Amino acid sequence: MKYLNRRDFLTVAGAAAGTLALAACGGEQTTDEPAADETTDGATDEPAASGDLGLITEGTLTVAVSPDFPPFENLDGDEYVGFDIDLMKAVAEQMGLEVEFKNLQFDAIVPAIQAGGQADVGCSGITIDDERLEQVDFSTSYYIDDQCVVAMTDNADVTADTYEDALNQDGVVIAVQSGTTGETYAQENFPAAKVVPYGNATDCFAAMQAGTDGTVAVVTNLAVGEKMVAEAYTDAQIVGKSATGEEYGVAVSKDNPALLDAVNAALAALDEDGTIDELTTTWMG
């Protein structure tokens, strides 16, 4: 797995960082009825002047997440857990704010930030790319991920040696999470296959495991693929990796440059004090 050299990115804090453009991502298990929003009281004793930041709720940073994308975000019972969750708790604390997580399906997060009214920012393994940059601004990048292809270990037709040709065949079905760079990658690299989008990553892996409608593989981000095959789908394996170098960022409304600056400043501080490195070690190993 490749990690971002944050010293090269986070020190370039400021509004101009919102114009970064690269390629990526999303998901484990989003339910039809989102879990109740969770508020975490981690604020400092002197809250930020949140009125100046255009927050939905004064004194609280409301963060849209799709808690179905471990190790970045997931639900453990009713509790939000993961790399992005801990990161945004730390960002809010740096800003002198409490934090509340808003459960949305992944492909709804960027439109929600663009429209306003539901969340202040989005942080859910969202790759900075040109299409999304037309809708929202992004913070400096805090993580770099790649793409991978996952298949069942007992599938002799889709292996590390054969997957490139085996998946690019008429009648082959590949599961992806809707709205992610995994979906785009599958469409571009396996054009002959049928690429079927699901609302969350868990459904993708479950479809592959069950062979639903002939599904034989999942294309997803590498960190997610590694987490899923290590813990939830141990009868599956990663058969292919692609170094796409997708940068994850925090999505912020284009109408709120003050909030973008504040988030970038918080990320820079967390990089400087080693917090982001600690979170990377905790959640990625």
Protein backbone atom coordinates (compact mmCIF):
# COMPACT_ATOMS: atom_id res chain seq x y z
CA MET A 1 0.00 0.00 0.00
CA LYS A 2 1.22 3.51 -0.78
CA TYR A 3 0.73 6.41 1.64
CA LEU A 4 0.73 10.12 0.98
CA ASN A 5 3.80 12.08 1.93
CA ARG A 6 1.70 14.65 3.73
CA ARG A 7 4.70 16.94 4.23
CA ASP A 8 4.55 17.55 0.47
CA PHE A 9 0.84 18.35 0.47
CA LEU A 10 -0.43 19.65 3.80
CA THR A 11 2.16 22.36 4.14
CA VAL A 12 0.67 23.90 1.02
CA ALA A 13 -2.38 24.89 3.07
CA GLY A 14 -4.79 27.58 1.93
CA ALA A 15 -7.73 28.15 -0.33
CA ALA A 16 -5.72 27.43 -3.48
CA ALA A 17 -5.43 23.81 -2.34
CA GLY A 18 -9.13 23.39 -3.06
CA THR A 19 -8.26 23.35 -6.77
CA LEU A 20 -6.25 20.12 -6.59
CA ALA A 21 -7.27 17.63 -9.26
CA LEU A 22 -6.59 13.92 -9.49
CA ALA A 23 -8.59 10.80 -9.61
CA ALA A 24 -11.36 8.63 -6.54
CA CYS A 25 -13.69 7.04 -3.83
CA GLY A 26 -16.30 5.22 -1.53
CA GLY A 27 -17.82 2.09 0.73
CA GLU A 28 -19.13 -0.96 3.63
CA GLN A 29 -22.75 -0.83 4.61
CA THR A 30 -25.20 2.04 4.13
CA THR A 31 -28.69 1.17 5.26
CA ASP A 32 -31.85 2.48 3.65
CA GLU A 33 -32.62 4.24 6.91
CA PRO A 34 -29.48 6.13 7.95
CA ALA A 35 -28.34 5.77 11.51
CA ALA A 36 -29.07 8.61 13.88
CA ASP A 37 -26.58 11.46 13.66
CA GLU A 38 -23.84 11.33 16.24
CA THR A 39 -22.46 14.36 18.03
CA THR A 40 -19.05 14.14 19.68
CA ASP A 41 -18.11 16.61 22.38
CA GLY A 42 -14.40 17.08 21.76
CA ALA A 43 -14.38 20.83 21.52
CA THR A 44 -11.76 23.00 23.13
CA ASP A 45 -12.64 25.41 25.91
CA GLU A 46 -12.64 28.35 23.50
CA PRO A 47 -14.91 27.59 20.53
CA ALA A 48 -14.14 29.14 17.18
CA ALA A 49 -16.19 32.06 15.93
CA SER A 50 -18.38 29.57 14.10
CA GLY A 51 -20.70 32.30 12.85
CA ASP A 52 -17.83 33.45 10.62
CA LEU A 53 -17.56 29.95 9.13
CA GLY A 54 -21.16 29.70 7.93
CA LEU A 55 -21.83 26.53 9.89
CA ILE A 56 -25.26 24.91 9.84
CA THR A 57 -25.21 24.71 13.63
CA GLU A 58 -23.14 27.28 15.50
CA GLY A 59 -20.32 25.66 17.45
CA THR A 60 -20.62 22.34 15.56
CA LEU A 61 -18.92 21.02 12.43
CA THR A 62 -21.45 18.80 10.62
CA VAL A 63 -19.65 16.17 8.53
CA ALA A 64 -21.35 14.08 5.83
CA VAL A 65 -20.07 10.49 5.73
CA SER A 66 -21.07 7.20 4.17
CA PRO A 67 -20.25 4.75 6.98
CA ASP A 68 -19.71 1.73 4.75
CA PHE A 69 -16.09 2.12 3.69
CA PRO A 70 -13.75 0.58 6.27
CA PRO A 71 -11.12 1.42 7.38
CA PHE A 72 -12.12 5.03 6.60
CA GLU A 73 -15.64 5.03 8.03
CA ASN A 74 -17.99 2.38 9.30
CA LEU A 75 -20.71 1.84 11.88
CA ASP A 76 -19.91 -0.26 14.94
CA GLY A 77 -23.41 -0.61 16.30
CA ASP A 78 -24.55 3.02 16.45
CA GLU A 79 -21.01 4.40 16.72
CA TYR A 80 -19.15 5.94 13.81
CA VAL A 81 -15.58 4.58 13.64
CA GLY A 82 -12.66 4.79 11.23
CA PHE A 83 -9.77 6.88 9.96
CA ASP A 84 -11.93 9.69 8.57
CA ILE A 85 -14.06 9.75 11.71
CA ASP A 86 -11.06 10.20 14.00
CA LEU A 87 -9.54 12.69 11.57
CA MET A 88 -12.63 14.90 11.54
CA LYS A 89 -12.95 14.71 15.33
CA ALA A 90 -9.38 16.02 15.51
CA VAL A 91 -10.07 18.69 12.86
CA ALA A 92 -13.12 19.91 14.79
CA GLU A 93 -11.12 20.00 18.01
CA GLN A 94 -8.42 22.06 16.32
CA MET A 95 -11.13 24.47 15.20
CA GLY A 96 -12.63 24.68 18.69
CA LEU A 97 -15.84 22.97 17.61
CA GLU A 98 -17.90 19.91 18.39
CA VAL A 99 -18.51 17.46 15.55
CA GLU A 100 -21.65 15.79 14.26
CA PHE A 101 -21.70 13.07 11.60
CA LYS A 102 -24.45 12.99 8.99
CA ASN A 103 -25.13 9.61 7.36
CA LEU A 104 -25.55 9.87 3.58
CA GLN A 105 -25.06 7.44 0.71
CA PHE A 106 -21.64 8.05 -0.83
CA ASP A 107 -22.81 9.35 -4.19
CA ALA A 108 -25.05 11.89 -2.41
CA ILE A 109 -22.30 13.56 -0.36
CA VAL A 110 -20.76 15.91 -2.92
CA PRO A 111 -24.17 17.07 -4.24
CA ALA A 112 -25.28 17.66 -0.64
CA ILE A 113 -22.26 19.85 0.10
CA GLN A 114 -22.81 21.74 -3.14
CA ALA A 115 -26.49 22.34 -2.36
CA GLY A 116 -25.92 23.19 1.31
CA GLY A 117 -28.23 22.72 4.26
CA GLN A 118 -27.39 19.12 5.21
CA ALA A 119 -23.71 19.25 6.19
CA ASP A 120 -20.83 21.70 6.37
CA VAL A 121 -18.22 19.37 4.87
CA GLY A 122 -17.95 15.88 3.44
CA CYS A 123 -15.22 13.44 4.45
CA SER A 124 -15.72 9.85 3.32
CA GLY A 125 -12.75 8.62 1.33
CA ILE A 126 -13.61 11.14 -1.41
CA THR A 127 -11.08 11.35 -4.21
CA ILE A 128 -10.29 14.79 -5.55
CA ASP A 129 -11.09 14.74 -9.26
CA ASP A 130 -12.05 17.19 -11.99
CA GLU A 131 -15.74 16.34 -12.01
CA ARG A 132 -16.11 16.83 -8.26
CA LEU A 133 -14.05 20.02 -8.39
CA GLU A 134 -16.73 21.50 -10.61
CA GLN A 135 -19.20 21.07 -7.75
CA VAL A 136 -17.19 21.69 -4.56
CA ASP A 137 -13.79 22.77 -3.29
CA PHE A 138 -11.42 20.36 -1.56
CA SER A 139 -9.00 20.66 1.30
CA THR A 140 -5.38 19.71 0.96
CA SER A 141 -5.04 15.97 0.45
CA TYR A 142 -4.70 13.85 3.59
CA TYR A 143 -4.32 10.34 2.09
CA ILE A 144 -3.41 8.63 -1.19
CA ASP A 145 -5.01 5.35 -2.24
CA ASP A 146 -4.96 3.02 -5.26
CA GLN A 147 -7.43 0.67 -6.95
CA CYS A 148 -7.64 -3.11 -6.61
CA VAL A 149 -9.53 -6.07 -8.03
CA VAL A 150 -10.92 -8.69 -5.64
CA ALA A 151 -12.11 -12.21 -6.51
CA MET A 152 -13.00 -15.35 -4.58
CA THR A 153 -10.01 -17.52 -3.72
CA ASP A 154 -11.68 -20.60 -5.19
CA ASN A 155 -12.29 -18.91 -8.55
CA ALA A 156 -9.68 -20.50 -10.78
CA ASP A 157 -10.74 -18.34 -13.73
CA VAL A 158 -9.98 -14.98 -12.08
CA THR A 159 -6.48 -14.96 -10.62
CA ALA A 160 -3.51 -12.63 -10.39
CA ASP A 161 -2.23 -14.04 -13.69
CA THR A 162 -5.50 -13.99 -15.60
CA TYR A 163 -7.78 -11.25 -14.27
CA GLU A 164 -6.92 -8.59 -16.85
CA ASP A 165 -8.19 -10.75 -19.71
CA ALA A 166 -10.67 -12.85 -17.74
CA LEU A 167 -12.70 -9.85 -16.57
CA ASN A 168 -12.75 -8.09 -19.91
CA GLN A 169 -15.19 -10.57 -21.43
CA ASP A 170 -18.79 -10.38 -22.52
CA GLY A 171 -21.05 -11.83 -19.83
CA VAL A 172 -18.64 -11.16 -16.96
CA VAL A 173 -20.20 -9.23 -14.06
CA ILE A 174 -18.15 -6.90 -11.83
CA ALA A 175 -19.58 -5.26 -8.68
CA VAL A 176 -18.64 -1.66 -7.79
CA GLN A 177 -19.88 1.00 -5.41
CA SER A 178 -22.01 3.60 -7.15
CA GLY A 179 -20.38 6.96 -7.78
CA THR A 180 -16.85 5.87 -6.86
CA THR A 181 -13.62 5.87 -8.82
CA GLY A 182 -13.78 2.09 -8.57
CA GLU A 183 -16.82 2.23 -10.84
CA THR A 184 -14.98 4.48 -13.30
CA TYR A 185 -11.88 2.28 -13.20
CA ALA A 186 -13.89 -0.88 -13.93
CA GLN A 187 -15.73 0.75 -16.82
CA GLU A 188 -12.51 2.01 -18.37
CA ASN A 189 -10.38 -1.10 -17.87
CA PHE A 190 -12.96 -3.85 -18.42
CA PRO A 191 -15.23 -2.33 -21.09
CA ALA A 192 -16.54 -5.68 -22.30
CA ALA A 193 -17.80 -6.67 -18.84
CA LYS A 194 -21.08 -5.71 -17.20
CA VAL A 195 -20.30 -3.30 -14.35
CA VAL A 196 -23.05 -3.37 -11.72
CA PRO A 197 -23.19 -0.52 -9.17
CA TYR A 198 -24.31 -1.07 -5.56
CA GLY A 199 -25.04 1.51 -2.88
CA ASN A 200 -22.28 0.28 -0.55
CA ALA A 201 -19.16 -1.86 -0.49
CA THR A 202 -20.64 -4.63 1.64
CA ASP A 203 -23.28 -5.32 -0.98
CA CYS A 204 -20.56 -5.51 -3.63
CA PHE A 205 -18.61 -8.13 -1.70
CA ALA A 206 -21.75 -10.05 -0.76
CA ALA A 207 -22.78 -10.20 -4.44
CA MET A 208 -19.37 -11.58 -5.39
CA GLN A 209 -19.39 -14.11 -2.57
CA ALA A 210 -22.86 -15.34 -3.52
CA GLY A 211 -22.23 -15.11 -7.26
CA THR A 212 -25.32 -12.93 -7.61
CA ASP A 213 -26.25 -12.61 -11.29
CA GLY A 214 -22.87 -14.14 -12.10
CA THR A 215 -20.77 -11.55 -10.23
CA VAL A 216 -17.15 -12.72 -10.14
CA ALA A 217 -15.17 -9.69 -8.94
CA VAL A 218 -15.24 -6.39 -7.05
CA VAL A 219 -13.27 -3.28 -7.99
CA THR A 220 -12.65 -0.94 -5.08
CA ASN A 221 -9.99 1.18 -3.40
CA LEU A 222 -6.99 -0.76 -2.18
CA ALA A 223 -7.25 0.15 1.51
CA VAL A 224 -10.87 -1.00 1.51
CA GLY A 225 -10.13 -4.19 -0.40
CA GLU A 226 -7.36 -5.10 2.03
CA LYS A 227 -9.58 -4.44 5.03
CA MET A 228 -12.49 -6.46 3.65
CA VAL A 229 -10.50 -9.56 2.70
CA ALA A 230 -8.58 -9.48 5.99
CA GLU A 231 -11.62 -9.28 8.25
CA ALA A 232 -15.02 -9.72 6.63
CA TYR A 233 -14.47 -11.76 3.44
CA THR A 234 -11.55 -14.02 4.22
CA ASP A 235 -12.60 -16.38 1.40
CA ALA A 236 -11.72 -13.64 -1.11
CA GLN A 237 -8.36 -12.29 -2.27
CA ILE A 238 -6.88 -9.28 -4.05
CA VAL A 239 -5.84 -10.44 -7.49
CA GLY A 240 -4.80 -7.10 -8.94
CA LYS A 241 -3.59 -3.65 -7.88
CA SER A 242 -3.29 -0.44 -9.85
CA ALA A 243 -1.24 2.54 -8.65
CA THR A 244 -3.82 5.21 -9.46
CA GLY A 245 -2.54 7.54 -6.73
CA GLU A 246 -5.93 8.95 -5.80
CA GLU A 247 -5.86 11.80 -3.31
CA TYR A 248 -8.56 12.04 -0.64
CA GLY A 249 -9.73 15.45 0.54
CA VAL A 250 -12.45 17.11 2.62
CA ALA A 251 -15.24 18.52 0.44
CA VAL A 252 -16.32 22.10 1.22
CA SER A 253 -18.84 24.37 -0.47
CA LYS A 254 -17.42 26.77 -3.04
CA ASP A 255 -19.47 29.45 -1.28
CA ASN A 256 -17.52 29.03 1.97
CA PRO A 257 -13.81 29.82 1.46
CA ALA A 258 -13.44 30.75 5.14
CA LEU A 259 -14.37 27.22 6.18
CA LEU A 260 -11.99 25.76 3.59
CA ASP A 261 -9.15 27.87 5.02
CA ALA A 262 -10.01 26.78 8.57
CA VAL A 263 -10.08 23.08 7.63
CA ASN A 264 -6.75 23.40 5.80
CA ALA A 265 -5.19 25.11 8.81
CA ALA A 266 -6.45 22.32 11.08
CA LEU A 267 -5.08 19.62 8.76
CA ALA A 268 -1.71 21.35 8.61
CA ALA A 269 -1.57 21.46 12.42
CA LEU A 270 -2.50 17.78 12.67
CA ASP A 271 0.18 16.89 10.17
CA GLU A 272 2.76 18.95 12.04
CA ASP A 273 2.03 17.37 15.43
CA GLY A 274 2.01 13.82 14.04
CA THR A 275 -1.70 13.13 14.55
CA ILE A 276 -2.33 12.11 10.92
CA ASP A 277 0.64 9.73 10.99
CA GLU A 278 -0.72 8.18 14.19
CA LEU A 279 -4.16 7.72 12.66
CA THR A 280 -2.63 6.16 9.57
CA THR A 281 -0.74 3.64 11.71
CA THR A 282 -3.83 2.91 13.83
CA TRP A 283 -6.23 2.31 10.95
CA MET A 284 -4.00 1.12 8.10
CA GLY A 285 -1.42 -0.82 10.11
